[in-house]
Amino acid sequence: MDRPLISEHEMVQETELFHKIFTVFRHEIDQIENTRGKLNDFQLMQAVLLAKDTMGVVGWDSRQTVSSIFEKYMHIYRTFGREKADEWVTITFEYSVSTSEYEGINSTLGRPDTEDGYTVGEEEGILTNKTSRIDELSHLIVEKETDLLQLYRELFLLQQGS
């Protein structure tokens, strides 16, 4: 008795899972690109890891499928840019992001959507603290990225010499 490899119900579930994960991924890319421009390899991998963290418990096959999709996306992003990578996702998976899908995305990531309930003075203090912390973290990230790139280069040279 021949049984389909994947049922229609399972396909719908995997499609919904992909849309959820990819929405988180796009949100993360938007945030980084708005701050720093086109993502480098490390930032791209970090965005993928963050998005994949929202998958929850899924089967090995589903996890492998999602990883393959992200690998292809990252290749297109690096080679042709984000517009072409997003176009590939839209054509391949009939996926499109509207800004309404971003609403509440921070709660999916475990971050608060708003800081309601603070007085104007408190909000300004929070904003100042956030701004200085953002600057501090941005500087630290640049330093760490530089260190990582140097380590990658050294690893590559050692592997080439073997």
N, C-alpha and C. Protein backbone atom coordinates (compact mmCIF):
# COMPACT_ATOMS: atom_id res chain seq x y z
N MET A 1 0.84 -1.18 0.00
CA MET A 1 0.00 0.00 0.00
C MET A 1 0.89 1.24 0.00
N ASP A 2 0.80 2.02 -1.06
CA ASP A 2 1.61 3.22 -1.17
C ASP A 2 1.00 4.33 -0.33
N ARG A 3 1.84 4.96 0.46
CA ARG A 3 1.42 6.06 1.31
C ARG A 3 2.26 7.26 0.92
N PRO A 4 1.64 8.46 0.82
CA PRO A 4 2.43 9.65 0.47
C PRO A 4 3.50 9.90 1.53
N LEU A 5 4.63 10.42 1.09
CA LEU A 5 5.71 10.69 2.02
C LEU A 5 5.32 11.73 3.07
N ILE A 6 4.54 12.70 2.65
CA ILE A 6 4.11 13.74 3.57
C ILE A 6 2.64 14.05 3.29
N SER A 7 1.86 14.11 4.36
CA SER A 7 0.43 14.36 4.18
C SER A 7 0.18 15.84 3.92
N GLU A 8 -1.00 16.13 3.43
CA GLU A 8 -1.37 17.52 3.17
C GLU A 8 -1.37 18.32 4.46
N HIS A 9 -1.83 17.70 5.54
CA HIS A 9 -1.86 18.37 6.85
C HIS A 9 -0.43 18.72 7.29
N GLU A 10 0.51 17.77 7.09
CA GLU A 10 1.90 18.02 7.46
C GLU A 10 2.51 19.13 6.61
N MET A 11 2.15 19.17 5.32
CA MET A 11 2.66 20.24 4.45
C MET A 11 2.17 21.60 4.92
N VAL A 12 0.91 21.67 5.31
CA VAL A 12 0.36 22.94 5.80
C VAL A 12 1.08 23.36 7.07
N GLN A 13 1.32 22.40 7.96
CA GLN A 13 2.03 22.71 9.20
C GLN A 13 3.45 23.20 8.93
N GLU A 14 4.16 22.54 7.99
CA GLU A 14 5.52 22.96 7.68
C GLU A 14 5.55 24.33 7.00
N THR A 15 4.54 24.61 6.18
CA THR A 15 4.46 25.92 5.54
C THR A 15 4.24 27.00 6.59
N GLU A 16 3.34 26.75 7.54
CA GLU A 16 3.09 27.72 8.61
C GLU A 16 4.35 27.92 9.45
N LEU A 17 5.06 26.82 9.74
CA LEU A 17 6.30 26.91 10.50
C LEU A 17 7.32 27.76 9.75
N PHE A 18 7.47 27.52 8.45
CA PHE A 18 8.41 28.29 7.66
C PHE A 18 8.05 29.77 7.67
N HIS A 19 6.78 30.08 7.50
CA HIS A 19 6.36 31.49 7.48
C HIS A 19 6.68 32.15 8.81
N LYS A 20 6.46 31.45 9.92
CA LYS A 20 6.74 32.01 11.24
C LYS A 20 8.24 32.26 11.39
N ILE A 21 9.04 31.27 11.03
CA ILE A 21 10.48 31.38 11.17
C ILE A 21 11.03 32.46 10.25
N PHE A 22 10.55 32.48 9.02
CA PHE A 22 11.08 33.44 8.06
C PHE A 22 10.68 34.87 8.41
N THR A 23 9.53 35.04 9.03
CA THR A 23 9.12 36.38 9.47
C THR A 23 10.08 36.89 10.53
N VAL A 24 10.47 36.04 11.46
CA VAL A 24 11.45 36.41 12.49
C VAL A 24 12.79 36.74 11.83
N PHE A 25 13.19 35.92 10.87
CA PHE A 25 14.44 36.11 10.15
C PHE A 25 14.46 37.47 9.44
N ARG A 26 13.40 37.76 8.71
CA ARG A 26 13.32 39.04 7.97
C ARG A 26 13.34 40.23 8.93
N HIS A 27 12.65 40.09 10.04
CA HIS A 27 12.63 41.16 11.03
C HIS A 27 14.05 41.44 11.54
N GLU A 28 14.78 40.39 11.81
CA GLU A 28 16.14 40.53 12.30
C GLU A 28 17.03 41.18 11.23
N ILE A 29 16.89 40.75 9.99
CA ILE A 29 17.66 41.35 8.89
C ILE A 29 17.32 42.83 8.77
N ASP A 30 16.03 43.16 8.84
CA ASP A 30 15.63 44.57 8.75
C ASP A 30 16.32 45.40 9.83
N GLN A 31 16.31 44.89 11.05
CA GLN A 31 16.91 45.64 12.15
C GLN A 31 18.41 45.87 11.92
N ILE A 32 19.10 44.83 11.50
CA ILE A 32 20.55 44.96 11.30
C ILE A 32 20.85 45.85 10.10
N GLU A 33 20.12 45.66 8.99
CA GLU A 33 20.37 46.49 7.81
C GLU A 33 20.06 47.96 8.08
N ASN A 34 19.03 48.23 8.86
CA ASN A 34 18.71 49.62 9.19
C ASN A 34 19.80 50.27 10.01
N THR A 35 20.51 49.47 10.80
CA THR A 35 21.56 50.00 11.66
C THR A 35 22.91 50.01 10.99
N ARG A 36 23.25 48.90 10.28
CA ARG A 36 24.62 48.73 9.81
C ARG A 36 24.78 48.48 8.33
N GLY A 37 23.70 48.37 7.58
CA GLY A 37 23.81 48.09 6.15
C GLY A 37 23.77 46.60 5.88
N LYS A 38 24.23 46.22 4.70
CA LYS A 38 24.17 44.80 4.29
C LYS A 38 24.89 43.92 5.31
N LEU A 39 24.29 42.79 5.61
CA LEU A 39 24.84 41.88 6.60
C LEU A 39 26.07 41.16 6.07
N ASN A 40 27.04 40.97 6.94
CA ASN A 40 28.18 40.13 6.58
C ASN A 40 27.81 38.69 6.92
N ASP A 41 28.69 37.75 6.63
CA ASP A 41 28.39 36.33 6.84
C ASP A 41 28.03 36.03 8.29
N PHE A 42 28.78 36.59 9.21
CA PHE A 42 28.54 36.33 10.62
C PHE A 42 27.15 36.83 11.05
N GLN A 43 26.81 38.04 10.66
CA GLN A 43 25.50 38.60 11.01
C GLN A 43 24.37 37.80 10.38
N LEU A 44 24.58 37.35 9.16
CA LEU A 44 23.58 36.54 8.46
C LEU A 44 23.36 35.22 9.19
N MET A 45 24.44 34.59 9.60
CA MET A 45 24.32 33.33 10.36
C MET A 45 23.63 33.56 11.70
N GLN A 46 23.94 34.67 12.35
CA GLN A 46 23.28 34.98 13.62
C GLN A 46 21.78 35.16 13.44
N ALA A 47 21.37 35.84 12.36
CA ALA A 47 19.95 36.03 12.08
C ALA A 47 19.27 34.68 11.83
N VAL A 48 19.95 33.80 11.12
CA VAL A 48 19.40 32.46 10.87
C VAL A 48 19.24 31.71 12.19
N LEU A 49 20.27 31.75 13.03
CA LEU A 49 20.20 31.04 14.31
C LEU A 49 19.06 31.57 15.18
N LEU A 50 18.91 32.88 15.21
CA LEU A 50 17.82 33.47 15.99
C LEU A 50 16.47 32.99 15.47
N ALA A 51 16.31 32.99 14.16
CA ALA A 51 15.04 32.54 13.56
C ALA A 51 14.81 31.07 13.84
N LYS A 52 15.84 30.25 13.72
CA LYS A 52 15.69 28.82 13.94
C LYS A 52 15.38 28.50 15.40
N ASP A 53 15.79 29.39 16.30
CA ASP A 53 15.48 29.19 17.72
C ASP A 53 13.98 29.24 17.98
N THR A 54 13.23 29.89 17.10
CA THR A 54 11.78 29.99 17.28
C THR A 54 11.04 28.76 16.76
N MET A 55 11.77 27.81 16.16
CA MET A 55 11.15 26.61 15.59
C MET A 55 10.51 25.73 16.63
N GLY A 56 11.11 25.68 17.80
CA GLY A 56 10.61 24.76 18.80
C GLY A 56 11.06 23.34 18.47
N VAL A 57 10.32 22.38 18.96
CA VAL A 57 10.66 20.98 18.75
C VAL A 57 10.02 20.51 17.45
N VAL A 58 10.86 20.16 16.49
CA VAL A 58 10.39 19.63 15.21
C VAL A 58 11.26 18.43 14.85
N GLY A 59 10.80 17.68 13.90
CA GLY A 59 11.53 16.51 13.47
C GLY A 59 12.82 16.86 12.74
N TRP A 60 13.70 15.87 12.64
CA TRP A 60 14.98 16.05 11.98
C TRP A 60 14.81 16.50 10.54
N ASP A 61 13.87 15.87 9.82
CA ASP A 61 13.66 16.22 8.42
C ASP A 61 13.23 17.67 8.27
N SER A 62 12.34 18.12 9.12
CA SER A 62 11.88 19.52 9.07
C SER A 62 13.03 20.47 9.34
N ARG A 63 13.83 20.15 10.32
CA ARG A 63 14.98 20.99 10.67
C ARG A 63 15.97 21.06 9.51
N GLN A 64 16.21 19.92 8.86
CA GLN A 64 17.13 19.88 7.72
C GLN A 64 16.57 20.69 6.55
N THR A 65 15.28 20.59 6.33
CA THR A 65 14.65 21.34 5.25
C THR A 65 14.81 22.84 5.48
N VAL A 66 14.52 23.29 6.69
CA VAL A 66 14.64 24.71 7.02
C VAL A 66 16.09 25.16 6.86
N SER A 67 17.02 24.34 7.31
CA SER A 67 18.44 24.69 7.18
C SER A 67 18.84 24.83 5.72
N SER A 68 18.36 23.94 4.88
CA SER A 68 18.66 24.01 3.45
C SER A 68 18.09 25.26 2.81
N ILE A 69 16.88 25.63 3.21
CA ILE A 69 16.25 26.85 2.69
C ILE A 69 17.09 28.07 3.06
N PHE A 70 17.51 28.13 4.32
CA PHE A 70 18.31 29.27 4.75
C PHE A 70 19.67 29.29 4.05
N GLU A 71 20.28 28.13 3.83
CA GLU A 71 21.55 28.08 3.10
C GLU A 71 21.39 28.68 1.70
N LYS A 72 20.33 28.29 1.01
CA LYS A 72 20.08 28.81 -0.33
C LYS A 72 19.84 30.32 -0.28
N TYR A 73 19.02 30.76 0.69
CA TYR A 73 18.74 32.18 0.84
C TYR A 73 20.05 32.96 1.07
N MET A 74 20.90 32.44 1.98
CA MET A 74 22.15 33.14 2.28
C MET A 74 23.05 33.22 1.05
N HIS A 75 23.09 32.16 0.26
CA HIS A 75 23.88 32.18 -0.97
C HIS A 75 23.39 33.27 -1.93
N ILE A 76 22.08 33.31 -2.13
CA ILE A 76 21.52 34.33 -3.04
C ILE A 76 21.75 35.73 -2.47
N TYR A 77 21.57 35.89 -1.16
CA TYR A 77 21.78 37.18 -0.50
C TYR A 77 23.21 37.67 -0.71
N ARG A 78 24.18 36.78 -0.47
CA ARG A 78 25.59 37.16 -0.63
C ARG A 78 25.93 37.49 -2.09
N THR A 79 25.40 36.69 -3.00
CA THR A 79 25.76 36.83 -4.41
C THR A 79 25.01 37.96 -5.11
N PHE A 80 23.70 38.02 -4.92
CA PHE A 80 22.87 38.95 -5.69
C PHE A 80 22.20 40.04 -4.85
N GLY A 81 22.22 39.92 -3.53
CA GLY A 81 21.60 40.92 -2.68
C GLY A 81 20.27 40.46 -2.12
N ARG A 82 19.77 41.25 -1.20
CA ARG A 82 18.56 40.89 -0.48
C ARG A 82 17.32 40.86 -1.38
N GLU A 83 17.24 41.82 -2.28
CA GLU A 83 16.05 41.90 -3.13
C GLU A 83 15.86 40.59 -3.91
N LYS A 84 16.93 40.07 -4.49
CA LYS A 84 16.83 38.81 -5.25
C LYS A 84 16.56 37.63 -4.32
N ALA A 85 17.14 37.64 -3.14
CA ALA A 85 16.90 36.55 -2.18
C ALA A 85 15.44 36.55 -1.74
N ASP A 86 14.90 37.72 -1.45
CA ASP A 86 13.49 37.82 -1.07
C ASP A 86 12.58 37.41 -2.22
N GLU A 87 12.97 37.79 -3.42
CA GLU A 87 12.19 37.41 -4.60
C GLU A 87 12.17 35.88 -4.76
N TRP A 88 13.31 35.24 -4.51
CA TRP A 88 13.38 33.78 -4.59
C TRP A 88 12.42 33.13 -3.59
N VAL A 89 12.39 33.67 -2.38
CA VAL A 89 11.49 33.12 -1.35
C VAL A 89 10.04 33.33 -1.76
N THR A 90 9.72 34.50 -2.28
CA THR A 90 8.35 34.79 -2.70
C THR A 90 7.91 33.84 -3.82
N ILE A 91 8.77 33.64 -4.80
CA ILE A 91 8.43 32.77 -5.92
C ILE A 91 8.36 31.31 -5.48
N THR A 92 9.35 30.89 -4.72
CA THR A 92 9.45 29.48 -4.34
C THR A 92 8.41 29.07 -3.31
N PHE A 93 8.16 29.92 -2.32
CA PHE A 93 7.31 29.54 -1.20
C PHE A 93 6.02 30.35 -1.10
N GLU A 94 5.77 31.19 -2.11
CA GLU A 94 4.59 32.05 -2.10
C GLU A 94 4.50 32.81 -0.78
N TYR A 95 5.61 33.41 -0.41
CA TYR A 95 5.72 34.11 0.87
C TYR A 95 5.88 35.59 0.61
N SER A 96 5.09 36.37 1.31
CA SER A 96 5.28 37.81 1.25
C SER A 96 5.05 38.37 2.64
N VAL A 97 5.85 39.35 2.98
CA VAL A 97 5.77 39.95 4.31
C VAL A 97 5.05 41.27 4.22
N SER A 98 4.07 41.42 5.06
CA SER A 98 3.44 42.73 5.21
C SER A 98 3.88 43.28 6.55
N THR A 99 3.83 44.57 6.71
CA THR A 99 4.27 45.17 7.96
C THR A 99 3.42 44.70 9.13
N SER A 100 2.17 44.31 8.88
CA SER A 100 1.33 43.84 9.98
C SER A 100 1.87 42.55 10.57
N GLU A 101 2.61 41.77 9.78
CA GLU A 101 3.19 40.53 10.30
C GLU A 101 4.29 40.83 11.31
N TYR A 102 4.88 42.03 11.24
CA TYR A 102 5.93 42.38 12.18
C TYR A 102 5.37 42.79 13.54
N GLU A 103 4.10 43.15 13.59
CA GLU A 103 3.52 43.57 14.85
C GLU A 103 3.57 42.41 15.82
N GLY A 104 4.12 42.66 17.00
CA GLY A 104 4.20 41.63 18.02
C GLY A 104 5.35 40.67 17.82
N ILE A 105 6.20 40.89 16.83
CA ILE A 105 7.31 39.98 16.58
C ILE A 105 8.27 39.96 17.76
N ASN A 106 8.43 41.07 18.44
CA ASN A 106 9.33 41.11 19.58
C ASN A 106 8.87 40.19 20.70
N SER A 107 7.55 40.03 20.87
CA SER A 107 7.08 39.11 21.90
C SER A 107 7.40 37.68 21.50
N THR A 108 7.43 37.39 20.20
CA THR A 108 7.84 36.07 19.74
C THR A 108 9.29 35.83 20.10
N LEU A 109 10.09 36.89 20.06
CA LEU A 109 11.50 36.78 20.37
C LEU A 109 11.78 36.93 21.86
N GLY A 110 10.73 37.16 22.65
CA GLY A 110 10.92 37.31 24.07
C GLY A 110 11.28 38.73 24.47
N ARG A 111 11.01 39.68 23.62
CA ARG A 111 11.29 41.09 23.91
C ARG A 111 9.96 41.81 24.02
N PRO A 112 9.87 42.82 24.88
CA PRO A 112 8.62 43.56 24.97
C PRO A 112 8.38 44.40 23.73
N ASP A 113 7.10 44.53 23.31
CA ASP A 113 6.76 45.36 22.17
C ASP A 113 6.87 46.85 22.49
N THR A 114 6.46 47.22 23.67
CA THR A 114 6.46 48.63 24.03
C THR A 114 6.97 48.80 25.44
N GLU A 115 7.14 50.05 25.84
CA GLU A 115 7.55 50.37 27.20
C GLU A 115 6.50 51.26 27.84
N ASP A 116 5.24 50.96 27.60
CA ASP A 116 4.15 51.76 28.14
C ASP A 116 4.18 51.74 29.66
N GLY A 117 3.65 52.80 30.25
CA GLY A 117 3.57 52.87 31.69
C GLY A 117 4.66 53.73 32.30
N TYR A 118 5.58 54.23 31.54
CA TYR A 118 6.63 55.09 32.05
C TYR A 118 6.24 56.54 31.86
N THR A 119 6.72 57.38 32.77
CA THR A 119 6.50 58.81 32.60
C THR A 119 7.46 59.33 31.53
N VAL A 120 7.23 60.54 31.07
CA VAL A 120 8.06 61.12 30.02
C VAL A 120 9.51 61.18 30.47
N GLY A 121 9.77 61.58 31.69
CA GLY A 121 11.15 61.66 32.19
C GLY A 121 11.81 60.29 32.24
N GLU A 122 11.05 59.30 32.69
CA GLU A 122 11.59 57.95 32.74
C GLU A 122 11.88 57.43 31.34
N GLU A 123 11.00 57.73 30.39
CA GLU A 123 11.20 57.28 29.01
C GLU A 123 12.46 57.89 28.43
N GLU A 124 12.71 59.18 28.72
CA GLU A 124 13.92 59.83 28.20
C GLU A 124 15.17 59.20 28.81
N GLY A 125 15.11 58.89 30.11
CA GLY A 125 16.24 58.22 30.78
C GLY A 125 16.48 56.84 30.20
N ILE A 126 15.41 56.12 29.96
CA ILE A 126 15.52 54.78 29.38
C ILE A 126 16.10 54.88 27.98
N LEU A 127 15.62 55.87 27.20
CA LEU A 127 16.11 56.05 25.84
C LEU A 127 17.60 56.39 25.84
N THR A 128 18.02 57.26 26.76
CA THR A 128 19.44 57.62 26.86
C THR A 128 20.26 56.40 27.22
N ASN A 129 19.80 55.61 28.21
CA ASN A 129 20.51 54.40 28.61
C ASN A 129 20.56 53.39 27.46
N LYS A 130 19.44 53.27 26.76
CA LYS A 130 19.40 52.35 25.63
C LYS A 130 20.37 52.78 24.54
N THR A 131 20.38 54.07 24.25
CA THR A 131 21.25 54.58 23.19
C THR A 131 22.71 54.34 23.54
N SER A 132 23.10 54.62 24.78
CA SER A 132 24.50 54.40 25.16
C SER A 132 24.82 52.91 25.16
N ARG A 133 23.88 52.08 25.58
CA ARG A 133 24.09 50.63 25.57
C ARG A 133 24.18 50.11 24.13
N ILE A 134 23.35 50.63 23.25
CA ILE A 134 23.40 50.24 21.84
C ILE A 134 24.75 50.61 21.25
N ASP A 135 25.22 51.83 21.54
CA ASP A 135 26.53 52.25 21.04
C ASP A 135 27.64 51.33 21.58
N GLU A 136 27.55 51.03 22.85
CA GLU A 136 28.53 50.16 23.49
C GLU A 136 28.53 48.76 22.86
N LEU A 137 27.34 48.20 22.67
CA LEU A 137 27.22 46.87 22.08
C LEU A 137 27.66 46.87 20.62
N SER A 138 27.32 47.92 19.88
CA SER A 138 27.75 48.02 18.48
C SER A 138 29.26 48.02 18.39
N HIS A 139 29.90 48.78 19.25
CA HIS A 139 31.36 48.83 19.26
C HIS A 139 31.95 47.46 19.61
N LEU A 140 31.38 46.80 20.60
CA LEU A 140 31.84 45.49 21.02
C LEU A 140 31.66 44.46 19.89
N ILE A 141 30.56 44.53 19.19
CA ILE A 141 30.29 43.61 18.08
C ILE A 141 31.33 43.81 16.98
N VAL A 142 31.64 45.06 16.66
CA VAL A 142 32.64 45.33 15.62
C VAL A 142 33.98 44.72 16.03
N GLU A 143 34.36 44.90 17.30
CA GLU A 143 35.61 44.32 17.78
C GLU A 143 35.60 42.80 17.66
N LYS A 144 34.51 42.18 18.09
CA LYS A 144 34.40 40.71 18.05
C LYS A 144 34.38 40.20 16.61
N GLU A 145 33.69 40.90 15.73
CA GLU A 145 33.67 40.50 14.32
C GLU A 145 35.06 40.54 13.72
N THR A 146 35.83 41.56 14.09
CA THR A 146 37.20 41.67 13.60
C THR A 146 38.03 40.49 14.10
N ASP A 147 37.89 40.17 15.39
CA ASP A 147 38.59 39.02 15.95
C ASP A 147 38.19 37.73 15.24
N LEU A 148 36.91 37.55 15.02
CA LEU A 148 36.42 36.35 14.35
C LEU A 148 36.96 36.25 12.93
N LEU A 149 36.94 37.35 12.20
CA LEU A 149 37.46 37.34 10.84
C LEU A 149 38.94 36.97 10.80
N GLN A 150 39.70 37.48 11.77
CA GLN A 150 41.11 37.12 11.84
C GLN A 150 41.27 35.62 12.12
N LEU A 151 40.46 35.09 13.01
CA LEU A 151 40.51 33.66 13.31
C LEU A 151 40.11 32.82 12.11
N TYR A 152 39.08 33.25 11.37
CA TYR A 152 38.67 32.55 10.16
C TYR A 152 39.80 32.55 9.13
N ARG A 153 40.45 33.70 8.97
CA ARG A 153 41.56 33.77 8.01
C ARG A 153 42.69 32.82 8.39
N GLU A 154 43.05 32.83 9.69
CA GLU A 154 44.11 31.95 10.16
C GLU A 154 43.73 30.48 9.95
N LEU A 155 42.49 30.12 10.27
CA LEU A 155 42.01 28.76 10.07
C LEU A 155 42.08 28.38 8.60
N PHE A 156 41.63 29.28 7.73
CA PHE A 156 41.65 29.02 6.30
C PHE A 156 43.07 28.80 5.80
N LEU A 157 44.00 29.66 6.23
CA LEU A 157 45.38 29.51 5.80
C LEU A 157 45.99 28.21 6.29
N LEU A 158 45.67 27.83 7.52
CA LEU A 158 46.17 26.57 8.06
C LEU A 158 45.59 25.38 7.29
N GLN A 159 44.31 25.46 6.95
CA GLN A 159 43.69 24.37 6.20
C GLN A 159 44.26 24.28 4.80
N GLN A 160 44.58 25.40 4.18
CA GLN A 160 45.14 25.40 2.84
C GLN A 160 46.55 24.84 2.84
N GLY A 161 47.27 25.05 3.94
CA GLY A 161 48.64 24.56 4.04
C GLY A 161 48.73 23.07 4.32
N SER A 162 47.62 22.47 4.75
CA SER A 162 47.64 21.03 5.10
C SER A 162 47.63 20.16 3.89
